[in-house]
């Protein structure tokens, strides 16, 4: 009787170990999706400098958000798009 209980206990432990290992393998091929932080560096499309996302000037142009180092770069970018 003790052997049956011991074997069942070992099978339960083995089940949980294998389940956790398979969950780890599922996530290996997928990139991690993290929320963008304010400290993440973004590149200004006009002067090509990198600025922290939290202090960058943001403009929504055509449904896409662009990040700039200053208002003058944002203005130059809009002028370039206009013509």
Protein backbone atom coordinates (compact mmCIF):
# COMPACT_ATOMS: atom_id res chain seq x y z
CA UNK A 1 0.00 0.00 0.00
CA UNK A 2 2.82 2.42 0.83
CA UNK A 3 4.40 1.74 -2.54
CA UNK A 4 1.23 2.80 -4.37
CA UNK A 5 0.97 6.03 -2.37
CA UNK A 6 4.67 6.74 -2.91
CA UNK A 7 4.42 6.12 -6.66
CA UNK A 8 1.31 8.33 -6.94
CA UNK A 9 3.07 11.11 -5.04
CA UNK A 10 6.11 10.89 -7.30
CA UNK A 11 3.89 10.96 -10.40
CA UNK A 12 2.14 14.10 -9.16
CA UNK A 13 5.49 15.81 -8.51
CA UNK A 14 6.77 14.73 -11.93
CA UNK A 15 3.60 16.10 -13.55
CA UNK A 16 4.10 19.55 -12.03
CA UNK A 17 7.80 19.61 -12.94
CA UNK A 18 7.07 18.70 -16.55
CA UNK A 19 4.22 21.21 -16.77
CA UNK A 20 6.46 24.04 -15.58
CA UNK A 21 9.23 23.01 -18.00
CA UNK A 22 6.83 22.97 -20.95
CA UNK A 23 5.48 26.41 -20.03
CA UNK A 24 9.05 27.72 -20.09
CA UNK A 25 9.62 26.28 -23.57
CA UNK A 26 6.44 27.89 -24.92
CA UNK A 27 7.75 31.37 -24.15
CA UNK A 28 11.23 30.89 -25.64
CA UNK A 29 10.32 31.74 -29.23
CA UNK A 30 8.26 34.80 -28.37
CA UNK A 31 9.79 38.21 -27.79
CA UNK A 32 9.10 39.78 -24.43
CA UNK A 33 6.54 42.53 -24.62
CA UNK A 34 7.32 45.18 -22.10
CA UNK A 35 5.52 48.42 -21.62
CA UNK A 36 7.69 51.29 -22.83
CA UNK A 37 9.23 53.14 -19.92
CA UNK A 38 9.90 56.85 -19.63
CA UNK A 39 13.63 56.13 -19.52
CA UNK A 40 13.62 54.27 -22.84
CA UNK A 41 15.62 56.15 -25.46
CA UNK A 42 13.89 57.15 -28.70
CA UNK A 43 15.47 58.67 -31.79
CA UNK A 44 14.47 62.02 -33.23
CA UNK A 45 13.77 61.50 -36.99
CA UNK A 46 15.10 64.96 -37.91
CA UNK A 47 18.42 65.43 -36.13
CA UNK A 48 18.85 61.71 -35.23
CA UNK A 49 19.70 62.30 -31.57
CA UNK A 50 18.42 59.99 -28.85
CA UNK A 51 16.27 61.42 -26.05
CA UNK A 52 14.47 59.75 -23.13
CA UNK A 53 10.85 59.02 -23.99
CA UNK A 54 9.67 60.86 -20.88
CA UNK A 55 11.13 64.23 -21.92
CA UNK A 56 10.70 63.93 -25.71
CA UNK A 57 8.27 66.17 -27.58
CA UNK A 58 5.55 63.92 -29.01
CA UNK A 59 3.49 64.60 -32.10
CA UNK A 60 0.70 62.43 -33.51
CA UNK A 61 1.08 62.71 -37.27
CA UNK A 62 -1.12 60.58 -39.50
CA UNK A 63 -2.08 58.27 -36.64
CA UNK A 64 1.54 57.52 -35.73
CA UNK A 65 3.34 58.97 -32.73
CA UNK A 66 6.74 60.56 -33.41
CA UNK A 67 9.24 61.64 -30.76
CA UNK A 68 11.41 64.75 -31.14
CA UNK A 69 14.14 66.40 -29.11
CA UNK A 70 12.54 69.87 -29.48
CA UNK A 71 9.57 71.73 -30.92
CA UNK A 72 11.74 73.08 -33.74
CA UNK A 73 12.57 69.54 -34.90
CA UNK A 74 8.87 68.64 -34.77
CA UNK A 75 8.07 71.72 -36.87
CA UNK A 76 10.80 70.87 -39.43
CA UNK A 77 9.47 67.33 -39.70
CA UNK A 78 5.91 68.54 -40.35
CA UNK A 79 7.18 70.98 -42.96
CA UNK A 80 9.12 68.20 -44.68
CA UNK A 81 6.01 66.03 -44.80
CA UNK A 82 3.86 68.89 -46.13
CA UNK A 83 5.95 69.61 -49.09
